[in-house]
Amino acid sequence: KLTLTIHFRAFSDPESEVLDPYKQLLQWSLPKKMAEDGFLAETIKSSPSNAKELLMAMFPSEAPQLIGFAYGINRWSPMVIEHVEHPIDGPVDAEGMPLYRAVQISLATLTAIDKNDAVNLFKKG
């Protein structure tokens, strides 16, 4: 698990330099799709004679976007964004667009990392 802070700063266009990248980051952190009726209702509606339908009912949501993360010589992949902070304070322009936003995020691997995976964490390039 990694926790880091990403800094977005506007130099000429707050919407494209701060708000749009923040919105994309937030979208990547959320499930692609949530079950419409919730777990229990989806399970009840499922036909127990079909294993695929039952599994879809048991796990109706789709996981967030998979990402890779690189910083310096460190590489982590695949990962998901577990949490994106949503700061509501900070400097804004005359239209209320954020000029700067520091956002703390948490990333997590989908599987445990063993000693063999550690070699890939420090590959150059």
N, C-alpha and C. Protein backbone atom coordinates (compact mmCIF):
# COMPACT_ATOMS: atom_id res chain seq x y z
N LYS A 1 0.86 -1.17 0.00
CA LYS A 1 0.00 0.00 0.00
C LYS A 1 0.90 1.22 0.00
N LEU A 2 0.53 2.21 -0.81
CA LEU A 2 1.27 3.46 -0.89
C LEU A 2 0.33 4.62 -0.59
N THR A 3 0.82 5.59 0.13
CA THR A 3 0.09 6.83 0.36
C THR A 3 0.97 7.96 -0.14
N LEU A 4 0.38 8.84 -0.94
CA LEU A 4 1.16 9.95 -1.47
C LEU A 4 0.28 11.17 -1.67
N THR A 5 0.92 12.29 -1.88
CA THR A 5 0.21 13.54 -2.14
C THR A 5 0.55 14.00 -3.54
N ILE A 6 -0.49 14.31 -4.31
CA ILE A 6 -0.33 14.83 -5.66
C ILE A 6 -0.69 16.31 -5.63
N HIS A 7 0.14 17.12 -6.24
CA HIS A 7 -0.08 18.58 -6.26
C HIS A 7 -0.48 19.00 -7.66
N PHE A 8 -1.64 19.62 -7.76
CA PHE A 8 -2.12 20.19 -9.03
C PHE A 8 -2.04 21.71 -8.90
N ARG A 9 -1.41 22.37 -9.87
CA ARG A 9 -1.26 23.82 -9.81
C ARG A 9 -1.58 24.42 -11.18
N ALA A 10 -2.38 25.47 -11.19
CA ALA A 10 -2.74 26.14 -12.44
C ALA A 10 -1.74 27.24 -12.75
N PHE A 11 -1.27 27.26 -13.99
CA PHE A 11 -0.41 28.34 -14.44
C PHE A 11 -1.17 29.28 -15.39
N SER A 12 -2.09 28.69 -16.19
CA SER A 12 -2.85 29.55 -17.10
C SER A 12 -4.33 29.16 -17.18
N ASP A 13 -4.67 27.88 -16.95
CA ASP A 13 -6.06 27.43 -17.10
C ASP A 13 -6.43 26.50 -15.94
N PRO A 14 -7.06 27.02 -14.89
CA PRO A 14 -7.39 26.21 -13.73
C PRO A 14 -8.24 24.98 -14.03
N GLU A 15 -9.13 25.09 -14.99
CA GLU A 15 -10.00 23.95 -15.29
C GLU A 15 -9.20 22.78 -15.87
N SER A 16 -8.37 23.04 -16.86
CA SER A 16 -7.63 21.94 -17.51
C SER A 16 -6.39 21.52 -16.73
N GLU A 17 -5.87 22.39 -15.87
CA GLU A 17 -4.65 22.06 -15.15
C GLU A 17 -4.88 21.54 -13.73
N VAL A 18 -6.02 21.87 -13.15
CA VAL A 18 -6.30 21.42 -11.77
C VAL A 18 -7.57 20.58 -11.71
N LEU A 19 -8.69 21.15 -12.14
CA LEU A 19 -9.97 20.48 -11.97
C LEU A 19 -10.11 19.22 -12.82
N ASP A 20 -9.79 19.28 -14.11
CA ASP A 20 -9.94 18.11 -14.98
C ASP A 20 -9.05 16.93 -14.54
N PRO A 21 -7.77 17.15 -14.24
CA PRO A 21 -6.96 16.01 -13.77
C PRO A 21 -7.46 15.44 -12.44
N TYR A 22 -7.94 16.32 -11.56
CA TYR A 22 -8.49 15.84 -10.29
C TYR A 22 -9.74 14.98 -10.53
N LYS A 23 -10.64 15.44 -11.42
CA LYS A 23 -11.84 14.67 -11.71
C LYS A 23 -11.49 13.30 -12.30
N GLN A 24 -10.47 13.24 -13.19
CA GLN A 24 -10.05 11.96 -13.76
C GLN A 24 -9.52 11.03 -12.68
N LEU A 25 -8.71 11.56 -11.78
CA LEU A 25 -8.18 10.77 -10.67
C LEU A 25 -9.31 10.21 -9.81
N LEU A 26 -10.29 11.05 -9.51
CA LEU A 26 -11.44 10.62 -8.72
C LEU A 26 -12.21 9.52 -9.44
N GLN A 27 -12.42 9.66 -10.75
CA GLN A 27 -13.13 8.62 -11.51
C GLN A 27 -12.38 7.30 -11.49
N TRP A 28 -11.06 7.34 -11.59
CA TRP A 28 -10.26 6.11 -11.56
C TRP A 28 -10.38 5.40 -10.21
N SER A 29 -10.66 6.15 -9.15
CA SER A 29 -10.72 5.55 -7.82
C SER A 29 -12.06 4.89 -7.51
N LEU A 30 -13.07 5.17 -8.31
CA LEU A 30 -14.42 4.66 -8.03
C LEU A 30 -14.70 3.39 -8.83
N PRO A 31 -15.59 2.54 -8.33
CA PRO A 31 -15.97 1.36 -9.12
C PRO A 31 -16.51 1.77 -10.48
N LYS A 32 -16.23 0.96 -11.50
CA LYS A 32 -16.73 1.26 -12.84
C LYS A 32 -18.25 1.21 -12.87
N LYS A 33 -18.81 0.32 -12.08
CA LYS A 33 -20.26 0.18 -12.03
C LYS A 33 -20.65 -0.45 -10.71
N MET A 34 -21.69 0.08 -10.10
CA MET A 34 -22.22 -0.50 -8.86
C MET A 34 -23.49 -1.27 -9.20
N ALA A 35 -23.79 -2.26 -8.37
CA ALA A 35 -25.02 -3.02 -8.55
C ALA A 35 -26.22 -2.09 -8.38
N GLU A 36 -27.18 -2.21 -9.26
CA GLU A 36 -28.33 -1.32 -9.22
C GLU A 36 -29.18 -1.53 -7.98
N ASP A 37 -29.38 -2.79 -7.60
CA ASP A 37 -30.27 -3.09 -6.48
C ASP A 37 -29.54 -3.53 -5.22
N GLY A 38 -28.23 -3.61 -5.23
CA GLY A 38 -27.49 -4.07 -4.08
C GLY A 38 -27.27 -5.57 -4.13
N PHE A 39 -26.40 -6.05 -3.26
CA PHE A 39 -25.97 -7.45 -3.25
C PHE A 39 -27.12 -8.43 -3.03
N LEU A 40 -27.91 -8.23 -1.99
CA LEU A 40 -28.96 -9.19 -1.64
C LEU A 40 -30.02 -9.29 -2.73
N ALA A 41 -30.49 -8.16 -3.23
CA ALA A 41 -31.52 -8.19 -4.28
C ALA A 41 -31.00 -8.84 -5.55
N GLU A 42 -29.74 -8.55 -5.91
CA GLU A 42 -29.15 -9.16 -7.11
C GLU A 42 -29.03 -10.67 -6.94
N THR A 43 -28.68 -11.13 -5.75
CA THR A 43 -28.55 -12.57 -5.50
C THR A 43 -29.90 -13.26 -5.58
N ILE A 44 -30.93 -12.65 -5.03
CA ILE A 44 -32.28 -13.24 -5.06
C ILE A 44 -32.78 -13.34 -6.50
N LYS A 45 -32.50 -12.32 -7.32
CA LYS A 45 -32.95 -12.32 -8.72
C LYS A 45 -32.20 -13.36 -9.56
N SER A 46 -31.05 -13.80 -9.10
CA SER A 46 -30.20 -14.69 -9.89
C SER A 46 -30.81 -16.09 -10.01
N SER A 47 -30.53 -16.71 -11.12
CA SER A 47 -30.95 -18.09 -11.33
C SER A 47 -29.87 -19.02 -10.79
N PRO A 48 -30.16 -19.81 -9.77
CA PRO A 48 -29.14 -20.68 -9.19
C PRO A 48 -28.68 -21.80 -10.14
N SER A 49 -29.38 -22.00 -11.25
CA SER A 49 -28.99 -23.05 -12.17
C SER A 49 -27.81 -22.61 -13.05
N ASN A 50 -27.51 -21.34 -13.08
CA ASN A 50 -26.43 -20.85 -13.92
C ASN A 50 -25.35 -20.23 -13.03
N ALA A 51 -24.18 -20.86 -12.97
CA ALA A 51 -23.10 -20.41 -12.09
C ALA A 51 -22.65 -18.99 -12.43
N LYS A 52 -22.58 -18.65 -13.71
CA LYS A 52 -22.13 -17.31 -14.09
C LYS A 52 -23.10 -16.25 -13.57
N GLU A 53 -24.40 -16.50 -13.72
CA GLU A 53 -25.39 -15.54 -13.22
C GLU A 53 -25.30 -15.40 -11.70
N LEU A 54 -25.07 -16.53 -11.02
CA LEU A 54 -24.95 -16.49 -9.56
C LEU A 54 -23.72 -15.68 -9.14
N LEU A 55 -22.60 -15.89 -9.82
CA LEU A 55 -21.40 -15.12 -9.50
C LEU A 55 -21.59 -13.64 -9.78
N MET A 56 -22.25 -13.33 -10.90
CA MET A 56 -22.52 -11.93 -11.22
C MET A 56 -23.43 -11.31 -10.16
N ALA A 57 -24.34 -12.08 -9.64
CA ALA A 57 -25.23 -11.57 -8.59
C ALA A 57 -24.48 -11.39 -7.28
N MET A 58 -23.56 -12.30 -6.99
CA MET A 58 -22.79 -12.21 -5.74
C MET A 58 -21.78 -11.06 -5.78
N PHE A 59 -21.24 -10.80 -6.96
CA PHE A 59 -20.25 -9.75 -7.11
C PHE A 59 -20.69 -8.82 -8.25
N PRO A 60 -21.74 -8.03 -8.01
CA PRO A 60 -22.36 -7.26 -9.08
C PRO A 60 -21.60 -6.01 -9.51
N SER A 61 -20.72 -5.51 -8.68
CA SER A 61 -20.01 -4.28 -9.01
C SER A 61 -18.75 -4.60 -9.81
N GLU A 62 -18.28 -3.63 -10.56
CA GLU A 62 -17.03 -3.78 -11.29
C GLU A 62 -15.96 -2.96 -10.60
N ALA A 63 -14.76 -3.53 -10.50
CA ALA A 63 -13.66 -2.91 -9.77
C ALA A 63 -13.23 -1.60 -10.41
N PRO A 64 -12.54 -0.76 -9.63
CA PRO A 64 -12.01 0.48 -10.20
C PRO A 64 -10.96 0.22 -11.27
N GLN A 65 -10.57 1.27 -11.96
CA GLN A 65 -9.56 1.22 -13.01
C GLN A 65 -8.23 0.72 -12.46
N LEU A 66 -7.59 -0.21 -13.17
CA LEU A 66 -6.24 -0.64 -12.81
C LEU A 66 -5.25 0.41 -13.30
N ILE A 67 -4.25 0.70 -12.48
CA ILE A 67 -3.23 1.66 -12.87
C ILE A 67 -1.85 1.09 -12.58
N GLY A 68 -0.85 1.69 -13.16
CA GLY A 68 0.54 1.42 -12.82
C GLY A 68 1.11 2.71 -12.25
N PHE A 69 2.05 2.59 -11.36
CA PHE A 69 2.63 3.76 -10.72
C PHE A 69 4.14 3.67 -10.82
N ALA A 70 4.76 4.73 -11.29
CA ALA A 70 6.22 4.79 -11.40
C ALA A 70 6.72 6.09 -10.80
N TYR A 71 7.77 6.00 -10.01
CA TYR A 71 8.40 7.19 -9.44
C TYR A 71 9.89 6.89 -9.32
N GLY A 72 10.70 7.64 -10.03
CA GLY A 72 12.13 7.36 -10.03
C GLY A 72 12.36 5.99 -10.64
N ILE A 73 13.08 5.13 -9.92
CA ILE A 73 13.31 3.77 -10.43
C ILE A 73 12.28 2.78 -9.90
N ASN A 74 11.33 3.24 -9.10
CA ASN A 74 10.33 2.35 -8.52
C ASN A 74 9.14 2.16 -9.45
N ARG A 75 8.68 0.93 -9.58
CA ARG A 75 7.54 0.59 -10.43
C ARG A 75 6.58 -0.33 -9.65
N TRP A 76 5.29 0.05 -9.63
CA TRP A 76 4.27 -0.78 -9.00
C TRP A 76 3.13 -0.97 -9.98
N SER A 77 2.72 -2.22 -10.21
CA SER A 77 1.63 -2.50 -11.13
C SER A 77 1.22 -3.96 -10.98
N PRO A 78 -0.03 -4.31 -11.11
CA PRO A 78 -1.19 -3.44 -11.20
C PRO A 78 -1.62 -2.97 -9.81
N MET A 79 -2.21 -1.82 -9.78
CA MET A 79 -2.69 -1.24 -8.53
C MET A 79 -4.06 -0.62 -8.77
N VAL A 80 -4.73 -0.35 -7.67
CA VAL A 80 -5.98 0.41 -7.72
C VAL A 80 -5.85 1.57 -6.75
N ILE A 81 -6.59 2.62 -7.04
CA ILE A 81 -6.63 3.77 -6.14
C ILE A 81 -7.72 3.47 -5.12
N GLU A 82 -7.33 3.32 -3.87
CA GLU A 82 -8.30 3.01 -2.81
C GLU A 82 -9.03 4.24 -2.31
N HIS A 83 -8.32 5.35 -2.25
CA HIS A 83 -8.91 6.55 -1.66
C HIS A 83 -8.34 7.79 -2.32
N VAL A 84 -9.20 8.76 -2.59
CA VAL A 84 -8.79 10.07 -3.07
C VAL A 84 -9.42 11.10 -2.14
N GLU A 85 -8.58 11.91 -1.53
CA GLU A 85 -9.08 12.97 -0.66
C GLU A 85 -9.80 14.02 -1.51
N HIS A 86 -10.82 14.64 -0.95
CA HIS A 86 -11.56 15.67 -1.68
C HIS A 86 -11.49 16.99 -0.91
N PRO A 87 -10.38 17.73 -1.08
CA PRO A 87 -10.26 19.01 -0.38
C PRO A 87 -11.21 20.05 -0.97
N ILE A 88 -11.86 20.81 -0.10
CA ILE A 88 -12.79 21.83 -0.58
C ILE A 88 -12.28 23.25 -0.31
N ASP A 89 -11.10 23.34 0.29
CA ASP A 89 -10.54 24.66 0.56
C ASP A 89 -9.37 24.92 -0.39
N GLY A 90 -8.81 26.08 -0.31
CA GLY A 90 -7.67 26.45 -1.13
C GLY A 90 -7.99 27.61 -2.03
N PRO A 91 -6.96 28.14 -2.68
CA PRO A 91 -7.16 29.32 -3.51
C PRO A 91 -7.99 29.02 -4.76
N VAL A 92 -8.86 29.98 -5.11
CA VAL A 92 -9.70 29.85 -6.30
C VAL A 92 -9.61 31.15 -7.10
N ASP A 93 -9.97 31.07 -8.39
CA ASP A 93 -9.99 32.27 -9.22
C ASP A 93 -11.33 32.98 -9.07
N ALA A 94 -11.57 34.02 -9.86
CA ALA A 94 -12.79 34.81 -9.76
C ALA A 94 -14.04 34.00 -10.07
N GLU A 95 -13.90 32.90 -10.83
CA GLU A 95 -15.04 32.04 -11.17
C GLU A 95 -15.20 30.86 -10.21
N GLY A 96 -14.35 30.79 -9.19
CA GLY A 96 -14.44 29.70 -8.23
C GLY A 96 -13.66 28.46 -8.62
N MET A 97 -12.89 28.53 -9.70
CA MET A 97 -12.09 27.38 -10.13
C MET A 97 -10.84 27.28 -9.25
N PRO A 98 -10.47 26.04 -8.84
CA PRO A 98 -9.30 25.89 -7.98
C PRO A 98 -8.00 26.23 -8.72
N LEU A 99 -7.16 27.03 -8.07
CA LEU A 99 -5.85 27.37 -8.63
C LEU A 99 -4.78 26.38 -8.20
N TYR A 100 -5.01 25.72 -7.07
CA TYR A 100 -4.05 24.77 -6.51
C TYR A 100 -4.83 23.74 -5.70
N ARG A 101 -4.44 22.50 -5.80
CA ARG A 101 -5.08 21.46 -5.00
C ARG A 101 -4.04 20.40 -4.66
N ALA A 102 -3.84 20.15 -3.37
CA ALA A 102 -2.98 19.06 -2.90
C ALA A 102 -3.90 17.93 -2.50
N VAL A 103 -3.73 16.77 -3.12
CA VAL A 103 -4.65 15.65 -2.93
C VAL A 103 -3.89 14.44 -2.42
N GLN A 104 -4.29 13.95 -1.25
CA GLN A 104 -3.70 12.71 -0.74
C GLN A 104 -4.46 11.53 -1.33
N ILE A 105 -3.71 10.53 -1.80
CA ILE A 105 -4.32 9.32 -2.34
C ILE A 105 -3.66 8.10 -1.72
N SER A 106 -4.39 7.00 -1.73
CA SER A 106 -3.87 5.71 -1.29
C SER A 106 -3.98 4.74 -2.45
N LEU A 107 -2.87 4.07 -2.75
CA LEU A 107 -2.83 3.05 -3.79
C LEU A 107 -2.59 1.70 -3.12
N ALA A 108 -3.16 0.64 -3.71
CA ALA A 108 -2.96 -0.70 -3.16
C ALA A 108 -2.73 -1.68 -4.31
N THR A 109 -1.89 -2.66 -4.05
CA THR A 109 -1.69 -3.72 -5.03
C THR A 109 -2.88 -4.67 -4.95
N LEU A 110 -3.11 -5.39 -6.01
CA LEU A 110 -4.22 -6.35 -6.01
C LEU A 110 -3.81 -7.68 -5.40
N THR A 111 -2.53 -7.93 -5.35
CA THR A 111 -2.03 -9.17 -4.76
C THR A 111 -0.90 -8.83 -3.80
N ALA A 112 -0.57 -9.77 -2.96
CA ALA A 112 0.56 -9.57 -2.06
C ALA A 112 1.85 -9.59 -2.89
N ILE A 113 2.83 -8.82 -2.45
CA ILE A 113 4.12 -8.77 -3.13
C ILE A 113 5.09 -9.67 -2.39
N ASP A 114 5.74 -10.58 -3.14
CA ASP A 114 6.74 -11.44 -2.51
C ASP A 114 8.14 -11.02 -2.93
N LYS A 115 9.17 -11.75 -2.48
CA LYS A 115 10.55 -11.35 -2.75
C LYS A 115 10.87 -11.34 -4.24
N ASN A 116 10.23 -12.20 -5.02
CA ASN A 116 10.47 -12.20 -6.46
C ASN A 116 9.90 -10.94 -7.13
N ASP A 117 8.78 -10.44 -6.60
CA ASP A 117 8.19 -9.21 -7.14
C ASP A 117 9.04 -7.99 -6.80
N ALA A 118 9.79 -8.07 -5.72
CA ALA A 118 10.60 -6.92 -5.30
C ALA A 118 11.62 -6.54 -6.37
N VAL A 119 12.08 -7.49 -7.16
CA VAL A 119 13.03 -7.20 -8.24
C VAL A 119 12.40 -6.22 -9.23
N ASN A 120 11.13 -6.40 -9.55
CA ASN A 120 10.44 -5.54 -10.52
C ASN A 120 10.20 -4.14 -9.97
N LEU A 121 10.18 -3.97 -8.66
CA LEU A 121 9.93 -2.65 -8.09
C LEU A 121 11.04 -1.67 -8.42
N PHE A 122 12.25 -2.18 -8.68
CA PHE A 122 13.40 -1.29 -8.85
C PHE A 122 14.03 -1.39 -10.24
N LYS A 123 13.24 -1.81 -11.23
CA LYS A 123 13.75 -1.86 -12.60
C LYS A 123 13.81 -0.46 -13.19
N LYS A 124 14.87 -0.18 -13.90
CA LYS A 124 14.99 1.11 -14.58
C LYS A 124 14.27 1.03 -15.92
N GLY A 125 13.66 2.15 -16.32
CA GLY A 125 13.02 2.22 -17.63
C GLY A 125 11.59 1.83 -17.67
